[in-house]
């Protein structure tokens, strides 16, 4: 940050600023480039000037005013096929408000999701910390449930993204494997046996492997990355670490995620490229200013 730039979070206390900055960075890795006004609105929420219901209501009003087309919602809680998730003839996701304008819907999704991500990190959302599939579903529902009625529901259809294929019949198996990886370490607190540096690297490798399985599960139509990163942020905090998503670029994150996909016909993902990313973003709380 240059001397001419103003820290939008400077008005917040240290903990709130840190948590909100992290939630924004999480969304930025999925493509959000928030305008200063959006950051100011998030700060107003963090300060307690507005509550979450008012924040969401105002965000919806802005999206409806900005949308070039609005129609009946025509959205269901459990889409049975990929085409059921979008409005006919468009790529716009079916949503609670019938917004047919992709840009307006995306802005709404990012603002609401980031606000809820901050609240989850601050412990303001009532979500049992089980670090399994239901935990991830509850996070996803909290992040996006105000926008999409299907938030938190696992896909019942296969889905492709670039060269990666995500099979519905593997979702629960991948989530169970990610849970086993996390549960293996979470009850035991900080890593102590190897010294601080190697403990951090050991945890970064564990987190990378867990994320690889979460990424292969891809259980939701949209918002998988944000929900999975939020889950791992919470898990990291359990044992004294913090994931600093703002120290890498979207291109680095996307590339590592793409390369984690298993080869055709295989099940097990590769975490080597993700390990490089998690090595860069994993820090102890005392190392990152929190």
Protein backbone atom coordinates (compact mmCIF):
# COMPACT_ATOMS: atom_id res chain seq x y z
CA UNK A 1 0.00 0.00 0.00
CA UNK A 2 1.45 3.35 -1.05
CA UNK A 3 1.32 6.53 0.98
CA UNK A 4 -1.40 7.84 -1.35
CA UNK A 5 -3.66 4.83 -0.69
CA UNK A 6 -5.91 4.72 2.32
CA UNK A 7 -6.44 1.51 4.26
CA UNK A 8 -10.22 0.99 4.08
CA UNK A 9 -10.11 -1.04 7.29
CA UNK A 10 -8.16 1.50 9.37
CA UNK A 11 -11.32 2.58 11.22
CA UNK A 12 -11.78 -0.94 12.64
CA UNK A 13 -10.05 -2.47 15.64
CA UNK A 14 -7.28 -4.93 14.89
CA UNK A 15 -9.25 -8.16 15.12
CA UNK A 16 -12.20 -6.93 13.07
CA UNK A 17 -9.92 -5.42 10.44
CA UNK A 18 -7.96 -8.63 10.17
CA UNK A 19 -11.03 -10.84 9.85
CA UNK A 20 -12.73 -8.56 7.32
CA UNK A 21 -9.56 -8.21 5.27
CA UNK A 22 -9.36 -12.00 5.16
CA UNK A 23 -12.97 -12.37 4.02
CA UNK A 24 -12.41 -9.83 1.24
CA UNK A 25 -9.20 -11.60 0.17
CA UNK A 26 -11.08 -14.91 0.05
CA UNK A 27 -13.61 -13.37 -2.35
CA UNK A 28 -10.87 -11.66 -4.38
CA UNK A 29 -9.35 -15.07 -5.19
CA UNK A 30 -12.71 -15.91 -6.79
CA UNK A 31 -12.71 -12.76 -8.93
CA UNK A 32 -14.20 -9.97 -6.80
CA UNK A 33 -12.72 -6.51 -7.25
CA UNK A 34 -14.69 -4.45 -4.74
CA UNK A 35 -15.19 -0.75 -5.19
CA UNK A 36 -14.28 1.48 -2.21
CA UNK A 37 -17.98 2.00 -1.49
CA UNK A 38 -18.47 -1.76 -1.08
CA UNK A 39 -15.59 -1.93 1.39
CA UNK A 40 -17.04 0.98 3.33
CA UNK A 41 -20.37 -0.83 3.57
CA UNK A 42 -18.61 -3.92 4.91
CA UNK A 43 -16.80 -1.79 7.49
CA UNK A 44 -20.13 -0.35 8.58
CA UNK A 45 -21.34 -3.90 9.20
CA UNK A 46 -18.15 -4.80 11.09
CA UNK A 47 -18.54 -1.72 13.27
CA UNK A 48 -22.06 -2.76 14.19
CA UNK A 49 -23.64 0.35 12.69
CA UNK A 50 -25.91 -1.91 10.61
CA UNK A 51 -26.92 -5.49 11.35
CA UNK A 52 -26.65 -8.32 8.85
CA UNK A 53 -30.35 -8.28 7.94
CA UNK A 54 -30.20 -4.58 7.08
CA UNK A 55 -26.95 -5.09 5.17
CA UNK A 56 -28.51 -7.85 3.06
CA UNK A 57 -31.74 -5.93 2.48
CA UNK A 58 -29.86 -2.89 1.23
CA UNK A 59 -27.62 -5.03 -0.98
CA UNK A 60 -30.69 -6.65 -2.54
CA UNK A 61 -32.26 -3.24 -3.18
CA UNK A 62 -29.08 -2.06 -4.96
CA UNK A 63 -28.95 -5.21 -7.07
CA UNK A 64 -32.59 -4.92 -8.12
CA UNK A 65 -32.10 -1.26 -9.01
CA UNK A 66 -28.97 -2.04 -11.06
CA UNK A 67 -30.35 -5.09 -12.86
CA UNK A 68 -31.32 -4.65 -16.49
CA UNK A 69 -33.85 -7.47 -16.22
CA UNK A 70 -35.81 -8.96 -13.32
CA UNK A 71 -38.43 -11.67 -13.58
CA UNK A 72 -40.05 -14.39 -11.47
CA UNK A 73 -37.47 -16.21 -9.30
CA UNK A 74 -38.30 -19.69 -10.70
CA UNK A 75 -35.66 -21.15 -8.36
CA UNK A 76 -35.81 -24.46 -6.50
CA UNK A 77 -33.94 -25.71 -3.44
CA UNK A 78 -32.61 -28.85 -5.10
CA UNK A 79 -31.96 -28.55 -8.86
CA UNK A 80 -31.99 -31.96 -10.50
CA UNK A 81 -29.77 -31.08 -13.47
CA UNK A 82 -27.21 -28.49 -14.49
CA UNK A 83 -29.61 -26.62 -16.83
CA UNK A 84 -32.03 -26.25 -13.90
CA UNK A 85 -29.54 -23.97 -12.15
CA UNK A 86 -29.68 -21.14 -14.72
CA UNK A 87 -32.41 -19.14 -16.41
CA UNK A 88 -33.16 -20.43 -19.93
CA UNK A 89 -30.96 -18.95 -22.63
CA UNK A 90 -28.60 -17.34 -20.08
CA UNK A 91 -25.71 -18.17 -17.78
CA UNK A 92 -27.35 -16.34 -14.88
CA UNK A 93 -27.94 -18.51 -11.82
CA UNK A 94 -31.52 -18.84 -10.65
CA UNK A 95 -31.87 -16.78 -7.49
CA UNK A 96 -34.40 -15.72 -4.89
CA UNK A 97 -35.04 -12.34 -6.55
CA UNK A 98 -35.38 -13.26 -10.21
CA UNK A 99 -32.39 -11.12 -11.14
CA UNK A 100 -31.47 -11.91 -14.77
CA UNK A 101 -28.52 -9.46 -14.94
CA UNK A 102 -25.30 -11.39 -14.36
CA UNK A 103 -23.23 -8.41 -13.21
CA UNK A 104 -25.85 -7.25 -10.70
CA UNK A 105 -26.26 -10.78 -9.33
CA UNK A 106 -22.51 -11.32 -9.04
CA UNK A 107 -22.08 -8.10 -7.07
CA UNK A 108 -24.91 -9.08 -4.74
CA UNK A 109 -23.45 -12.56 -4.25
CA UNK A 110 -20.00 -11.21 -3.44
CA UNK A 111 -21.20 -8.51 -1.04
CA UNK A 112 -23.50 -10.81 0.90
CA UNK A 113 -21.07 -13.73 0.83
CA UNK A 114 -18.18 -11.59 2.07
CA UNK A 115 -20.27 -10.09 4.85
CA UNK A 116 -21.33 -13.54 5.99
CA UNK A 117 -17.79 -14.85 5.66
CA UNK A 118 -16.65 -12.14 8.05
CA UNK A 119 -19.40 -13.06 10.51
CA UNK A 120 -18.44 -16.75 10.35
CA UNK A 121 -14.80 -15.94 11.08
CA UNK A 122 -15.83 -13.72 13.97
CA UNK A 123 -17.89 -16.52 15.48
CA UNK A 124 -21.15 -14.65 14.92
CA UNK A 125 -22.85 -17.47 12.99
CA UNK A 126 -24.17 -20.52 14.81
CA UNK A 127 -22.40 -23.30 12.93
CA UNK A 128 -21.19 -26.47 14.74
CA UNK A 129 -17.44 -26.89 14.16
CA UNK A 130 -17.32 -30.49 12.97
CA UNK A 131 -15.05 -29.92 9.92
CA UNK A 132 -16.94 -32.42 7.79
CA UNK A 133 -19.44 -32.32 4.92
CA UNK A 134 -22.34 -30.99 7.01
CA UNK A 135 -20.05 -28.26 8.38
CA UNK A 136 -19.09 -27.21 4.85
CA UNK A 137 -22.76 -27.27 3.80
CA UNK A 138 -23.71 -25.07 6.77
CA UNK A 139 -20.96 -22.59 5.84
CA UNK A 140 -22.15 -22.52 2.22
CA UNK A 141 -25.76 -22.04 3.33
CA UNK A 142 -24.74 -19.16 5.59
CA UNK A 143 -22.61 -17.51 2.89
CA UNK A 144 -25.12 -17.70 0.06
CA UNK A 145 -28.52 -18.74 1.42
CA UNK A 146 -29.90 -15.20 1.25
CA UNK A 147 -29.29 -15.22 -2.53
CA UNK A 148 -29.74 -18.84 -3.65
CA UNK A 149 -32.36 -21.26 -2.28
CA UNK A 150 -30.11 -24.20 -3.18
CA UNK A 151 -27.23 -22.97 -1.02
CA UNK A 152 -25.86 -25.75 1.15
CA UNK A 153 -27.43 -28.53 -0.97
CA UNK A 154 -25.07 -30.99 -2.66
CA UNK A 155 -25.23 -31.24 -6.44
CA UNK A 156 -27.21 -34.14 -7.89
CA UNK A 157 -25.61 -33.74 -11.31
CA UNK A 158 -22.08 -33.87 -12.73
CA UNK A 159 -20.37 -30.62 -13.58
CA UNK A 160 -17.35 -29.53 -15.59
CA UNK A 161 -15.05 -26.57 -15.13
CA UNK A 162 -12.35 -26.10 -17.75
CA UNK A 163 -10.58 -29.46 -18.04
CA UNK A 164 -11.84 -30.65 -14.63
CA UNK A 165 -14.88 -32.90 -14.15
CA UNK A 166 -16.74 -33.04 -10.84
CA UNK A 167 -18.84 -36.16 -10.32
CA UNK A 168 -21.87 -36.05 -8.05
CA UNK A 169 -21.40 -39.65 -6.93
CA UNK A 170 -17.96 -38.81 -5.48
CA UNK A 171 -18.95 -35.76 -3.43
CA UNK A 172 -19.45 -37.46 -0.08
CA UNK A 173 -16.38 -39.68 -0.44
CA UNK A 174 -14.13 -36.69 -1.14
CA UNK A 175 -15.66 -34.76 1.77
CA UNK A 176 -15.17 -37.72 4.10
CA UNK A 177 -11.51 -37.97 3.09
CA UNK A 178 -11.00 -34.24 3.70
CA UNK A 179 -12.63 -34.62 7.13
CA UNK A 180 -10.32 -37.51 8.04
CA UNK A 181 -7.28 -35.43 7.13
CA UNK A 182 -8.40 -32.48 9.25
CA UNK A 183 -9.68 -34.56 12.18
CA UNK A 184 -6.33 -36.35 12.36
CA UNK A 185 -4.67 -33.15 13.58
CA UNK A 186 -7.28 -30.78 14.95
CA UNK A 187 -7.75 -32.42 18.37
CA UNK A 188 -4.02 -32.20 19.11
CA UNK A 189 -3.45 -28.44 18.93
CA UNK A 190 -0.25 -26.90 17.63
CA UNK A 191 2.45 -28.98 16.01
CA UNK A 192 5.34 -29.08 18.49
CA UNK A 193 7.72 -31.85 17.52
CA UNK A 194 9.61 -30.38 14.59
CA UNK A 195 10.19 -26.78 15.61
CA UNK A 196 8.19 -23.77 14.49
CA UNK A 197 9.24 -23.64 10.85
CA UNK A 198 8.77 -27.34 10.08
CA UNK A 199 5.54 -27.45 12.06
CA UNK A 200 4.19 -24.67 9.84
CA UNK A 201 5.26 -26.52 6.70
CA UNK A 202 3.74 -29.73 7.99
CA UNK A 203 0.42 -27.99 8.58
CA UNK A 204 0.62 -26.29 5.17
CA UNK A 205 0.95 -29.71 3.56
CA UNK A 206 -2.00 -31.06 5.53
CA UNK A 207 -4.15 -28.05 4.60
CA UNK A 208 -3.14 -28.35 0.93
CA UNK A 209 -4.09 -32.02 0.84
CA UNK A 210 -7.41 -31.35 2.59
CA UNK A 211 -8.20 -28.53 0.15
CA UNK A 212 -7.39 -30.79 -2.80
CA UNK A 213 -10.09 -33.21 -1.65
CA UNK A 214 -12.56 -30.39 -0.97
CA UNK A 215 -11.88 -29.00 -4.43
CA UNK A 216 -12.45 -32.38 -6.07
CA UNK A 217 -15.74 -32.73 -4.18
CA UNK A 218 -16.96 -29.37 -5.53
CA UNK A 219 -20.30 -30.17 -3.91
CA UNK A 220 -22.17 -26.99 -4.83
CA UNK A 221 -23.16 -25.30 -8.08
CA UNK A 222 -21.30 -22.10 -7.14
CA UNK A 223 -19.28 -20.79 -4.20
CA UNK A 224 -17.20 -23.91 -3.58
CA UNK A 225 -13.89 -22.08 -3.27
CA UNK A 226 -15.18 -19.48 -0.82
CA UNK A 227 -16.88 -22.08 1.38
CA UNK A 228 -13.86 -24.40 1.38
CA UNK A 229 -11.41 -21.59 2.14
CA UNK A 230 -13.64 -20.46 5.00
CA UNK A 231 -13.70 -23.99 6.42
CA UNK A 232 -9.90 -24.24 6.27
CA UNK A 233 -9.51 -20.77 7.80
CA UNK A 234 -11.55 -21.93 10.78
CA UNK A 235 -9.60 -25.18 11.00
CA UNK A 236 -6.29 -23.31 10.89
CA UNK A 237 -7.39 -21.09 13.74
CA UNK A 238 -8.03 -24.16 15.91
CA UNK A 239 -4.31 -24.88 16.01
CA UNK A 240 -2.86 -21.39 15.97
CA UNK A 241 -2.47 -20.66 12.27
CA UNK A 242 -3.92 -18.15 9.85
CA UNK A 243 -4.33 -18.37 6.06
CA UNK A 244 -3.36 -15.05 4.45
CA UNK A 245 -5.18 -15.22 1.12
CA UNK A 246 -4.02 -11.74 0.12
CA UNK A 247 -0.37 -12.78 -0.39
CA UNK A 248 -1.08 -14.74 -3.60
CA UNK A 249 -2.79 -13.91 -6.87
CA UNK A 250 -5.97 -15.33 -8.33
CA UNK A 251 -3.90 -16.83 -11.16
CA UNK A 252 -1.68 -18.67 -8.68
CA UNK A 253 -4.67 -19.96 -6.75
CA UNK A 254 -6.59 -21.04 -9.85
CA UNK A 255 -3.57 -22.78 -11.36
CA UNK A 256 -2.81 -24.75 -8.19
CA UNK A 257 -6.46 -25.72 -7.82
CA UNK A 258 -6.69 -26.84 -11.44
CA UNK A 259 -3.55 -28.94 -11.16
CA UNK A 260 -4.88 -30.70 -8.07
CA UNK A 261 -7.49 -32.55 -10.15
CA UNK A 262 -6.76 -36.27 -10.53
CA UNK A 263 -5.81 -37.74 -13.87
CA UNK A 264 -8.67 -39.12 -15.95
CA UNK A 265 -10.00 -42.31 -14.41
CA UNK A 266 -8.18 -41.75 -11.12
CA UNK A 267 -9.59 -40.76 -7.74
CA UNK A 268 -6.80 -39.33 -5.64
CA UNK A 269 -5.99 -35.63 -6.21
CA UNK A 270 -2.50 -34.12 -6.25
CA UNK A 271 -1.65 -31.51 -3.64
CA UNK A 272 1.92 -30.61 -4.71
CA UNK A 273 1.08 -27.30 -6.40
CA UNK A 274 -1.39 -26.43 -3.65
CA UNK A 275 1.36 -27.10 -1.10
CA UNK A 276 3.42 -24.31 -2.65
CA UNK A 277 0.44 -21.97 -2.27
CA UNK A 278 -0.37 -23.02 1.28
CA UNK A 279 3.28 -22.68 2.26
CA UNK A 280 3.06 -19.04 1.18
CA UNK A 281 -0.25 -18.27 2.90
CA UNK A 282 0.11 -20.20 6.18
CA UNK A 283 1.30 -18.11 9.12
CA UNK A 284 1.11 -18.32 12.87
CA UNK A 285 -1.12 -15.70 14.43
CA UNK A 286 1.90 -14.00 15.97
CA UNK A 287 3.52 -13.76 12.52
CA UNK A 288 0.63 -12.03 10.71
CA UNK A 289 -0.27 -9.31 13.14
CA UNK A 290 -3.40 -10.91 14.55
